[in-house]
Protein backbone atom coordinates (compact mmCIF):
# COMPACT_ATOMS: atom_id res chain seq x y z
CA UNK A 1 0.00 0.00 0.00
CA UNK A 2 1.92 2.98 -1.20
CA UNK A 3 1.61 6.52 0.17
CA UNK A 4 0.32 5.52 3.62
CA UNK A 5 1.44 7.50 6.62
CA UNK A 6 2.85 5.70 9.62
CA UNK A 7 -0.25 6.36 11.76
CA UNK A 8 -2.58 5.04 9.04
CA UNK A 9 -0.43 1.96 8.66
CA UNK A 10 -0.45 1.40 12.42
CA UNK A 11 -4.25 1.81 12.54
CA UNK A 12 -4.68 -0.67 9.70
CA UNK A 13 -2.58 -3.25 11.53
CA UNK A 14 -4.70 -2.85 14.65
CA UNK A 15 -7.93 -3.21 12.67
CA UNK A 16 -6.64 -6.26 10.86
CA UNK A 17 -5.68 -7.96 14.12
CA UNK A 18 -9.11 -7.14 15.57
CA UNK A 19 -10.78 -8.52 12.47
CA UNK A 20 -8.90 -11.79 12.75
CA UNK A 21 -10.08 -12.24 16.35
CA UNK A 22 -13.74 -12.15 15.28
CA UNK A 23 -15.36 -15.54 14.79
CA UNK A 24 -16.19 -15.78 11.08
CA UNK A 25 -19.32 -17.86 11.80
CA UNK A 26 -20.78 -15.24 14.15
CA UNK A 27 -21.94 -11.89 12.78
CA UNK A 28 -23.19 -9.16 15.10
CA UNK A 29 -24.60 -5.74 14.22
CA UNK A 30 -22.40 -3.95 16.73
CA UNK A 31 -22.81 -0.47 18.14
CA UNK A 32 -23.80 1.12 14.84
CA UNK A 33 -26.63 -1.38 14.40
CA UNK A 34 -27.87 -0.63 17.92
CA UNK A 35 -27.76 3.13 17.32
CA UNK A 36 -29.71 2.79 14.04
CA UNK A 37 -32.28 0.51 15.68
CA UNK A 38 -32.68 2.87 18.66
CA UNK A 39 -33.11 5.88 16.34
CA UNK A 40 -35.79 4.05 14.35
CA UNK A 41 -37.57 3.00 17.56
CA UNK A 42 -37.50 6.60 18.81
CA UNK A 43 -38.90 7.85 15.49
CA UNK A 44 -41.74 5.29 15.57
CA UNK A 45 -42.55 6.24 19.16
CA UNK A 46 -42.68 9.96 18.22
CA UNK A 47 -44.90 9.23 15.20
CA UNK A 48 -47.29 7.12 17.29
CA UNK A 49 -47.51 9.85 19.93
CA UNK A 50 -48.23 12.45 17.25
CA UNK A 51 -50.84 10.22 15.58
CA UNK A 52 -52.54 9.63 18.93
CA UNK A 53 -52.70 13.37 19.56
CA UNK A 54 -54.24 13.99 16.12
CA UNK A 55 -56.70 11.11 16.45
CA UNK A 56 -57.95 12.51 19.77
CA UNK A 57 -58.91 15.73 17.95
CA UNK A 58 -61.19 13.86 15.51
CA UNK A 59 -64.92 13.83 16.30
CA UNK A 60 -66.22 10.40 15.33
CA UNK A 61 -69.90 11.06 16.12
CA UNK A 62 -71.91 12.12 13.12
CA UNK A 63 -74.28 15.00 13.61
CA UNK A 64 -77.88 14.05 12.86
CA UNK A 65 -78.98 15.09 9.40
CA UNK A 66 -81.71 17.73 9.68
CA UNK A 67 -83.42 16.69 6.46
CA UNK A 68 -83.35 12.93 6.99
CA UNK A 69 -86.81 11.42 6.71
CA UNK A 70 -88.28 14.58 5.21
CA UNK A 71 -89.19 14.86 1.56
CA UNK A 72 -87.41 18.16 0.85
CA UNK A 73 -84.62 19.33 -1.41
CA UNK A 74 -82.30 22.28 -1.02
CA UNK A 75 -82.70 25.13 -3.43
CA UNK A 76 -79.95 27.38 -4.76
CA UNK A 77 -80.24 29.66 -1.71
CA UNK A 78 -79.53 26.75 0.65
CA UNK A 79 -83.04 26.81 2.12
CA UNK A 80 -85.20 23.71 2.07
CA UNK A 81 -88.11 23.77 -0.33
CA UNK A 82 -90.93 21.20 -0.66
CA UNK A 83 -90.25 18.38 -3.05
CA UNK A 84 -92.01 18.43 -6.38
CA UNK A 85 -94.30 15.67 -7.43
PDB file of N, CA and C in Angstrom:
ATOM      1  N   UNK A   1       0.840  -1.179   0.000  1.00  0.00           N
ATOM      2  CA  UNK A   1       0.000   0.000   0.000  1.00  0.00           C
ATOM      3  C   UNK A   1       0.880   1.236   0.000  1.00  0.00           C
ATOM      4  N   UNK A   2       1.052   1.811  -1.123  1.00  0.00           N
ATOM      5  CA  UNK A   2       1.921   2.981  -1.201  1.00  0.00           C
ATOM      6  C   UNK A   2       1.246   4.234  -0.653  1.00  0.00           C
ATOM      7  N   UNK A   3       2.045   5.210  -0.292  1.00  0.00           N
ATOM      8  CA  UNK A   3       1.612   6.524   0.173  1.00  0.00           C
ATOM      9  C   UNK A   3       0.766   6.477   1.445  1.00  0.00           C
ATOM     10  N   UNK A   4       1.036   5.560   2.338  1.00  0.00           N
ATOM     11  CA  UNK A   4       0.319   5.522   3.618  1.00  0.00           C
ATOM     12  C   UNK A   4       1.217   6.116   4.685  1.00  0.00           C
ATOM     13  N   UNK A   5       0.661   6.940   5.526  1.00  0.00           N
ATOM     14  CA  UNK A   5       1.442   7.497   6.619  1.00  0.00           C
ATOM     15  C   UNK A   5       1.651   6.421   7.682  1.00  0.00           C
ATOM     16  N   UNK A   6       2.521   6.681   8.585  1.00  0.00           N
ATOM     17  CA  UNK A   6       2.849   5.699   9.618  1.00  0.00           C
ATOM     18  C   UNK A   6       1.652   5.456  10.532  1.00  0.00           C
ATOM     19  N   UNK A   7       0.901   6.524  10.857  1.00  0.00           N
ATOM     20  CA  UNK A   7      -0.246   6.357  11.758  1.00  0.00           C
ATOM     21  C   UNK A   7      -1.363   5.570  11.065  1.00  0.00           C
ATOM     22  N   UNK A   8      -1.566   5.789   9.769  1.00  0.00           N
ATOM     23  CA  UNK A   8      -2.583   5.036   9.042  1.00  0.00           C
ATOM     24  C   UNK A   8      -2.181   3.575   8.939  1.00  0.00           C
ATOM     25  N   UNK A   9      -0.920   3.330   8.733  1.00  0.00           N
ATOM     26  CA  UNK A   9      -0.435   1.955   8.658  1.00  0.00           C
ATOM     27  C   UNK A   9      -0.589   1.253   9.999  1.00  0.00           C
ATOM     28  N   UNK A  10      -0.294   1.958  11.086  1.00  0.00           N
ATOM     29  CA  UNK A  10      -0.447   1.398  12.421  1.00  0.00           C
ATOM     30  C   UNK A  10      -1.926   1.105  12.709  1.00  0.00           C
ATOM     31  N   UNK A  11      -2.810   2.017  12.332  1.00  0.00           N
ATOM     32  CA  UNK A  11      -4.246   1.812  12.540  1.00  0.00           C
ATOM     33  C   UNK A  11      -4.739   0.609  11.745  1.00  0.00           C
ATOM     34  N   UNK A  12      -4.263   0.465  10.531  1.00  0.00           N
ATOM     35  CA  UNK A  12      -4.684  -0.666   9.703  1.00  0.00           C
ATOM     36  C   UNK A  12      -4.232  -1.992  10.328  1.00  0.00           C
ATOM     37  N   UNK A  13      -3.030  -2.007  10.917  1.00  0.00           N
ATOM     38  CA  UNK A  13      -2.578  -3.253  11.527  1.00  0.00           C
ATOM     39  C   UNK A  13      -3.414  -3.588  12.748  1.00  0.00           C
ATOM     40  N   UNK A  14      -3.850  -2.590  13.492  1.00  0.00           N
ATOM     41  CA  UNK A  14      -4.705  -2.849  14.653  1.00  0.00           C
ATOM     42  C   UNK A  14      -6.073  -3.358  14.211  1.00  0.00           C
ATOM     43  N   UNK A  15      -6.619  -2.757  13.167  1.00  0.00           N
ATOM     44  CA  UNK A  15      -7.927  -3.208  12.675  1.00  0.00           C
ATOM     45  C   UNK A  15      -7.857  -4.620  12.109  1.00  0.00           C
ATOM     46  N   UNK A  16      -6.783  -4.922  11.442  1.00  0.00           N
ATOM     47  CA  UNK A  16      -6.638  -6.258  10.857  1.00  0.00           C
ATOM     48  C   UNK A  16      -6.531  -7.300  11.959  1.00  0.00           C
ATOM     49  N   UNK A  17      -5.782  -6.995  13.032  1.00  0.00           N
ATOM     50  CA  UNK A  17      -5.680  -7.962  14.124  1.00  0.00           C
ATOM     51  C   UNK A  17      -7.013  -8.113  14.836  1.00  0.00           C
ATOM     52  N   UNK A  18      -7.779  -7.041  14.961  1.00  0.00           N
ATOM     53  CA  UNK A  18      -9.108  -7.143  15.575  1.00  0.00           C
ATOM     54  C   UNK A  18     -10.035  -7.959  14.687  1.00  0.00           C
ATOM     55  N   UNK A  19      -9.917  -7.790  13.399  1.00  0.00           N
ATOM     56  CA  UNK A  19     -10.782  -8.517  12.467  1.00  0.00           C
ATOM     57  C   UNK A  19     -10.476 -10.005  12.490  1.00  0.00           C
ATOM     58  N   UNK A  20      -9.243 -10.369  12.715  1.00  0.00           N
ATOM     59  CA  UNK A  20      -8.896 -11.790  12.746  1.00  0.00           C
ATOM     60  C   UNK A  20      -9.389 -12.456  14.029  1.00  0.00           C
ATOM     61  N   UNK A  21      -9.589 -11.678  15.097  1.00  0.00           N
ATOM     62  CA  UNK A  21     -10.079 -12.240  16.348  1.00  0.00           C
ATOM     63  C   UNK A  21     -11.568 -12.556  16.299  1.00  0.00           C
ATOM     64  N   UNK A  22     -12.297 -11.951  15.375  1.00  0.00           N
ATOM     65  CA  UNK A  22     -13.736 -12.150  15.276  1.00  0.00           C
ATOM     66  C   UNK A  22     -14.019 -13.523  14.689  1.00  0.00           C
ATOM     67  N   UNK A  23     -14.954 -14.234  15.284  1.00  0.00           N
ATOM     68  CA  UNK A  23     -15.362 -15.543  14.786  1.00  0.00           C
ATOM     69  C   UNK A  23     -16.088 -15.338  13.458  1.00  0.00           C
ATOM     70  N   UNK A  24     -15.624 -15.985  12.406  1.00  0.00           N
ATOM     71  CA  UNK A  24     -16.193 -15.779  11.080  1.00  0.00           C
ATOM     72  C   UNK A  24     -17.592 -16.371  10.940  1.00  0.00           C
ATOM     73  N   UNK A  25     -17.991 -17.273  11.852  1.00  0.00           N
ATOM     74  CA  UNK A  25     -19.325 -17.859  11.803  1.00  0.00           C
ATOM     75  C   UNK A  25     -20.348 -17.037  12.584  1.00  0.00           C
ATOM     76  N   UNK A  26     -19.886 -16.044  13.323  1.00  0.00           N
ATOM     77  CA  UNK A  26     -20.776 -15.239  14.149  1.00  0.00           C
ATOM     78  C   UNK A  26     -20.717 -13.794  13.674  1.00  0.00           C
ATOM     79  N   UNK A  27     -21.879 -13.270  13.256  1.00  0.00           N
ATOM     80  CA  UNK A  27     -21.944 -11.891  12.782  1.00  0.00           C
ATOM     81  C   UNK A  27     -22.861 -11.119  13.719  1.00  0.00           C
ATOM     82  N   UNK A  28     -22.390  -9.998  14.218  1.00  0.00           N
ATOM     83  CA  UNK A  28     -23.195  -9.159  15.103  1.00  0.00           C
ATOM     84  C   UNK A  28     -23.323  -7.764  14.504  1.00  0.00           C
ATOM     85  N   UNK A  29     -24.419  -7.064  14.785  1.00  0.00           N
ATOM     86  CA  UNK A  29     -24.597  -5.738  14.217  1.00  0.00           C
ATOM     87  C   UNK A  29     -23.699  -4.686  14.852  1.00  0.00           C
ATOM     88  N   UNK A  30     -23.306  -4.884  16.083  1.00  0.00           N
ATOM     89  CA  UNK A  30     -22.401  -3.949  16.734  1.00  0.00           C
ATOM     90  C   UNK A  30     -23.103  -2.700  17.228  1.00  0.00           C
ATOM     91  N   UNK A  31     -22.297  -1.714  17.563  1.00  0.00           N
ATOM     92  CA  UNK A  31     -22.809  -0.472  18.136  1.00  0.00           C
ATOM     93  C   UNK A  31     -23.593   0.324  17.094  1.00  0.00           C
ATOM     94  N   UNK A  32     -23.102   0.360  15.879  1.00  0.00           N
ATOM     95  CA  UNK A  32     -23.798   1.120  14.839  1.00  0.00           C
ATOM     96  C   UNK A  32     -25.193   0.550  14.591  1.00  0.00           C
ATOM     97  N   UNK A  33     -25.318  -0.761  14.570  1.00  0.00           N
ATOM     98  CA  UNK A  33     -26.627  -1.382  14.399  1.00  0.00           C
ATOM     99  C   UNK A  33     -27.563  -1.030  15.539  1.00  0.00           C
ATOM    100  N   UNK A  34     -27.045  -1.005  16.778  1.00  0.00           N
ATOM    101  CA  UNK A  34     -27.871  -0.629  17.922  1.00  0.00           C
ATOM    102  C   UNK A  34     -28.314   0.818  17.823  1.00  0.00           C
ATOM    103  N   UNK A  35     -27.414   1.709  17.422  1.00  0.00           N
ATOM    104  CA  UNK A  35     -27.760   3.128  17.316  1.00  0.00           C
ATOM    105  C   UNK A  35     -28.832   3.338  16.252  1.00  0.00           C
ATOM    106  N   UNK A  36     -28.703   2.667  15.107  1.00  0.00           N
ATOM    107  CA  UNK A  36     -29.707   2.793  14.038  1.00  0.00           C
ATOM    108  C   UNK A  36     -31.055   2.251  14.514  1.00  0.00           C
ATOM    109  N   UNK A  37     -31.045   1.102  15.174  1.00  0.00           N
ATOM    110  CA  UNK A  37     -32.284   0.513  15.684  1.00  0.00           C
ATOM    111  C   UNK A  37     -32.931   1.422  16.726  1.00  0.00           C
ATOM    112  N   UNK A  38     -32.142   1.984  17.628  1.00  0.00           N
ATOM    113  CA  UNK A  38     -32.676   2.873  18.660  1.00  0.00           C
ATOM    114  C   UNK A  38     -33.252   4.138  18.040  1.00  0.00           C
ATOM    115  N   UNK A  39     -32.596   4.680  17.011  1.00  0.00           N
ATOM    116  CA  UNK A  39     -33.113   5.878  16.341  1.00  0.00           C
ATOM    117  C   UNK A  39     -34.440   5.585  15.640  1.00  0.00           C
ATOM    118  N   UNK A  40     -34.531   4.416  15.008  1.00  0.00           N
ATOM    119  CA  UNK A  40     -35.790   4.045  14.348  1.00  0.00           C
ATOM    120  C   UNK A  40     -36.900   3.831  15.381  1.00  0.00           C
ATOM    121  N   UNK A  41     -36.581   3.209  16.511  1.00  0.00           N
ATOM    122  CA  UNK A  41     -37.571   2.998  17.559  1.00  0.00           C
ATOM    123  C   UNK A  41     -38.047   4.333  18.124  1.00  0.00           C
ATOM    124  N   UNK A  42     -37.138   5.271  18.308  1.00  0.00           N
ATOM    125  CA  UNK A  42     -37.504   6.596  18.807  1.00  0.00           C
ATOM    126  C   UNK A  42     -38.389   7.333  17.799  1.00  0.00           C
ATOM    127  N   UNK A  43     -38.085   7.203  16.517  1.00  0.00           N
ATOM    128  CA  UNK A  43     -38.898   7.848  15.487  1.00  0.00           C
ATOM    129  C   UNK A  43     -40.306   7.250  15.447  1.00  0.00           C
ATOM    130  N   UNK A  44     -40.415   5.934  15.555  1.00  0.00           N
ATOM    131  CA  UNK A  44     -41.738   5.290  15.568  1.00  0.00           C
ATOM    132  C   UNK A  44     -42.529   5.727  16.789  1.00  0.00           C
ATOM    133  N   UNK A  45     -41.869   5.815  17.941  1.00  0.00           N
ATOM    134  CA  UNK A  45     -42.548   6.243  19.156  1.00  0.00           C
ATOM    135  C   UNK A  45     -43.073   7.671  18.986  1.00  0.00           C
ATOM    136  N   UNK A  46     -42.256   8.570  18.425  1.00  0.00           N
ATOM    137  CA  UNK A  46     -42.678   9.960  18.219  1.00  0.00           C
ATOM    138  C   UNK A  46     -43.844  10.032  17.228  1.00  0.00           C
ATOM    139  N   UNK A  47     -43.798   9.230  16.163  1.00  0.00           N
ATOM    140  CA  UNK A  47     -44.897   9.230  15.200  1.00  0.00           C
ATOM    141  C   UNK A  47     -46.189   8.701  15.816  1.00  0.00           C
ATOM    142  N   UNK A  48     -46.099   7.662  16.633  1.00  0.00           N
ATOM    143  CA  UNK A  48     -47.287   7.116  17.288  1.00  0.00           C
ATOM    144  C   UNK A  48     -47.883   8.127  18.264  1.00  0.00           C
ATOM    145  N   UNK A  49     -47.029   8.835  18.987  1.00  0.00           N
ATOM    146  CA  UNK A  49     -47.508   9.852  19.927  1.00  0.00           C
ATOM    147  C   UNK A  49     -48.204  10.983  19.170  1.00  0.00           C
ATOM    148  N   UNK A  50     -47.634  11.398  18.061  1.00  0.00           N
ATOM    149  CA  UNK A  50     -48.231  12.450  17.248  1.00  0.00           C
ATOM    150  C   UNK A  50     -49.560  11.987  16.655  1.00  0.00           C
ATOM    151  N   UNK A  51     -49.609  10.747  16.161  1.00  0.00           N
ATOM    152  CA  UNK A  51     -50.843  10.219  15.580  1.00  0.00           C
ATOM    153  C   UNK A  51     -51.934  10.130  16.648  1.00  0.00           C
ATOM    154  N   UNK A  52     -51.571   9.712  17.849  1.00  0.00           N
ATOM    155  CA  UNK A  52     -52.544   9.626  18.929  1.00  0.00           C
ATOM    156  C   UNK A  52     -53.112  11.001  19.261  1.00  0.00           C
ATOM    157  N   UNK A  53     -52.251  12.006  19.276  1.00  0.00           N
ATOM    158  CA  UNK A  53     -52.696  13.369  19.559  1.00  0.00           C
ATOM    159  C   UNK A  53     -53.664  13.855  18.476  1.00  0.00           C
ATOM    160  N   UNK A  54     -53.361  13.560  17.218  1.00  0.00           N
ATOM    161  CA  UNK A  54     -54.237  13.986  16.123  1.00  0.00           C
ATOM    162  C   UNK A  54     -55.545  13.196  16.105  1.00  0.00           C
ATOM    163  N   UNK A  55     -55.485  11.919  16.442  1.00  0.00           N
ATOM    164  CA  UNK A  55     -56.702  11.108  16.453  1.00  0.00           C
ATOM    165  C   UNK A  55     -57.642  11.536  17.580  1.00  0.00           C
ATOM    166  N   UNK A  56     -57.101  12.036  18.686  1.00  0.00           N
ATOM    167  CA  UNK A  56     -57.951  12.513  19.775  1.00  0.00           C
ATOM    168  C   UNK A  56     -58.712  13.779  19.391  1.00  0.00           C
ATOM    169  N   UNK A  57     -58.232  14.509  18.401  1.00  0.00           N
ATOM    170  CA  UNK A  57     -58.908  15.728  17.949  1.00  0.00           C
ATOM    171  C   UNK A  57     -60.088  15.425  17.027  1.00  0.00           C
ATOM    172  N   UNK A  58     -60.144  14.212  16.478  1.00  0.00           N
ATOM    173  CA  UNK A  58     -61.186  13.859  15.510  1.00  0.00           C
ATOM    174  C   UNK A  58     -62.481  13.548  16.247  1.00  0.00           C
ATOM    175  N   UNK A  59     -63.610  14.106  15.743  1.00  0.00           N
ATOM    176  CA  UNK A  59     -64.920  13.834  16.300  1.00  0.00           C
ATOM    177  C   UNK A  59     -65.559  12.730  15.471  1.00  0.00           C
ATOM    178  N   UNK A  60     -65.720  11.542  16.068  1.00  0.00           N
ATOM    179  CA  UNK A  60     -66.224  10.403  15.327  1.00  0.00           C
ATOM    180  C   UNK A  60     -67.747  10.330  15.293  1.00  0.00           C
ATOM    181  N   UNK A  61     -68.445  11.105  16.120  1.00  0.00           N
ATOM    182  CA  UNK A  61     -69.900  11.062  16.124  1.00  0.00           C
ATOM    183  C   UNK A  61     -70.432  11.939  15.005  1.00  0.00           C
ATOM    184  N   UNK A  62     -71.314  11.349  14.195  1.00  0.00           N
ATOM    185  CA  UNK A  62     -71.907  12.117  13.116  1.00  0.00           C
ATOM    186  C   UNK A  62     -73.048  12.950  13.672  1.00  0.00           C
ATOM    187  N   UNK A  63     -73.151  14.173  13.187  1.00  0.00           N
ATOM    188  CA  UNK A  63     -74.279  14.999  13.605  1.00  0.00           C
ATOM    189  C   UNK A  63     -75.521  14.517  12.864  1.00  0.00           C
ATOM    190  N   UNK A  64     -76.668  14.525  13.535  1.00  0.00           N
ATOM    191  CA  UNK A  64     -77.882  14.048  12.859  1.00  0.00           C
ATOM    192  C   UNK A  64     -78.235  14.958  11.685  1.00  0.00           C
ATOM    193  N   UNK A  65     -78.611  14.347  10.594  1.00  0.00           N
ATOM    194  CA  UNK A  65     -78.979  15.092   9.395  1.00  0.00           C
ATOM    195  C   UNK A  65     -80.352  15.716   9.610  1.00  0.00           C
ATOM    196  N   UNK A  66     -80.446  17.026   9.428  1.00  0.00           N
ATOM    197  CA  UNK A  66     -81.706  17.728   9.684  1.00  0.00           C
ATOM    198  C   UNK A  66     -82.798  17.339   8.688  1.00  0.00           C
ATOM    199  N   UNK A  67     -82.422  16.965   7.489  1.00  0.00           N
ATOM    200  CA  UNK A  67     -83.425  16.689   6.455  1.00  0.00           C
ATOM    201  C   UNK A  67     -83.693  15.205   6.299  1.00  0.00           C
ATOM    202  N   UNK A  68     -83.128  14.364   7.156  1.00  0.00           N
ATOM    203  CA  UNK A  68     -83.355  12.931   6.986  1.00  0.00           C
ATOM    204  C   UNK A  68     -84.807  12.603   7.328  1.00  0.00           C
ATOM    205  N   UNK A  69     -85.424  11.827   6.491  1.00  0.00           N
ATOM    206  CA  UNK A  69     -86.807  11.424   6.708  1.00  0.00           C
ATOM    207  C   UNK A  69     -87.806  12.399   6.138  1.00  0.00           C
ATOM    208  N   UNK A  70     -87.372  13.591   5.801  1.00  0.00           N
ATOM    209  CA  UNK A  70     -88.278  14.584   5.211  1.00  0.00           C
ATOM    210  C   UNK A  70     -88.129  14.528   3.703  1.00  0.00           C
ATOM    211  N   UNK A  71     -89.184  14.884   3.019  1.00  0.00           N
ATOM    212  CA  UNK A  71     -89.190  14.861   1.565  1.00  0.00           C
ATOM    213  C   UNK A  71     -88.940  16.269   1.047  1.00  0.00           C
ATOM    214  N   UNK A  72     -87.750  16.801   1.284  1.00  0.00           N
ATOM    215  CA  UNK A  72     -87.414  18.163   0.853  1.00  0.00           C
ATOM    216  C   UNK A  72     -86.097  18.148   0.101  1.00  0.00           C
ATOM    217  N   UNK A  73     -85.889  19.147  -0.708  1.00  0.00           N
ATOM    218  CA  UNK A  73     -84.622  19.332  -1.412  1.00  0.00           C
ATOM    219  C   UNK A  73     -84.154  20.747  -1.176  1.00  0.00           C
ATOM    220  N   UNK A  74     -82.854  20.935  -1.221  1.00  0.00           N
ATOM    221  CA  UNK A  74     -82.303  22.281  -1.016  1.00  0.00           C
ATOM    222  C   UNK A  74     -82.315  23.034  -2.337  1.00  0.00           C
ATOM    223  N   UNK A  75     -82.714  24.261  -2.265  1.00  0.00           N
ATOM    224  CA  UNK A  75     -82.701  25.125  -3.433  1.00  0.00           C
ATOM    225  C   UNK A  75     -81.362  25.801  -3.558  1.00  0.00           C
ATOM    226  N   UNK A  76     -81.228  26.695  -4.555  1.00  0.00           N
ATOM    227  CA  UNK A  76     -79.954  27.381  -4.761  1.00  0.00           C
ATOM    228  C   UNK A  76     -79.578  28.291  -3.605  1.00  0.00           C
ATOM    229  N   UNK A  77     -80.544  28.749  -2.830  1.00  0.00           N
ATOM    230  CA  UNK A  77     -80.244  29.656  -1.714  1.00  0.00           C
ATOM    231  C   UNK A  77     -79.813  28.894  -0.465  1.00  0.00           C
ATOM    232  N   UNK A  78     -79.928  27.552  -0.492  1.00  0.00           N
ATOM    233  CA  UNK A  78     -79.528  26.749   0.646  1.00  0.00           C
ATOM    234  C   UNK A  78     -80.684  26.463   1.582  1.00  0.00           C
ATOM    235  N   UNK A  79     -81.858  27.038   1.285  1.00  0.00           N
ATOM    236  CA  UNK A  79     -83.036  26.805   2.121  1.00  0.00           C
ATOM    237  C   UNK A  79     -83.804  25.608   1.589  1.00  0.00           C
ATOM    238  N   UNK A  80     -84.439  24.884   2.479  1.00  0.00           N
ATOM    239  CA  UNK A  80     -85.200  23.707   2.067  1.00  0.00           C
ATOM    240  C   UNK A  80     -86.518  24.134   1.425  1.00  0.00           C
ATOM    241  N   UNK A  81     -86.836  23.501   0.325  1.00  0.00           N
ATOM    242  CA  UNK A  81     -88.108  23.771  -0.330  1.00  0.00           C
ATOM    243  C   UNK A  81     -88.841  22.457  -0.494  1.00  0.00           C
ATOM    244  N   UNK A  82     -90.175  22.471  -0.537  1.00  0.00           N
ATOM    245  CA  UNK A  82     -90.930  21.203  -0.664  1.00  0.00           C
ATOM    246  C   UNK A  82     -90.575  20.500  -1.960  1.00  0.00           C
ATOM    247  N   UNK A  83     -90.576  19.189  -1.884  1.00  0.00           N
ATOM    248  CA  UNK A  83     -90.247  18.378  -3.050  1.00  0.00           C
ATOM    249  C   UNK A  83     -91.375  18.452  -4.058  1.00  0.00           C
ATOM    250  N   UNK A  84     -91.016  18.391  -5.315  1.00  0.00           N
ATOM    251  CA  UNK A  84     -92.009  18.426  -6.381  1.00  0.00           C
ATOM    252  C   UNK A  84     -92.498  17.025  -6.658  1.00  0.00           C
ATOM    253  N   UNK A  85     -93.759  16.919  -6.948  1.00  0.00           N
ATOM    254  CA  UNK A  85     -94.304  15.673  -7.433  1.00  0.00           C
ATOM    255  C   UNK A  85     -94.895  14.880  -6.399  1.00  0.00           C
TER     256      UNK A  85
END
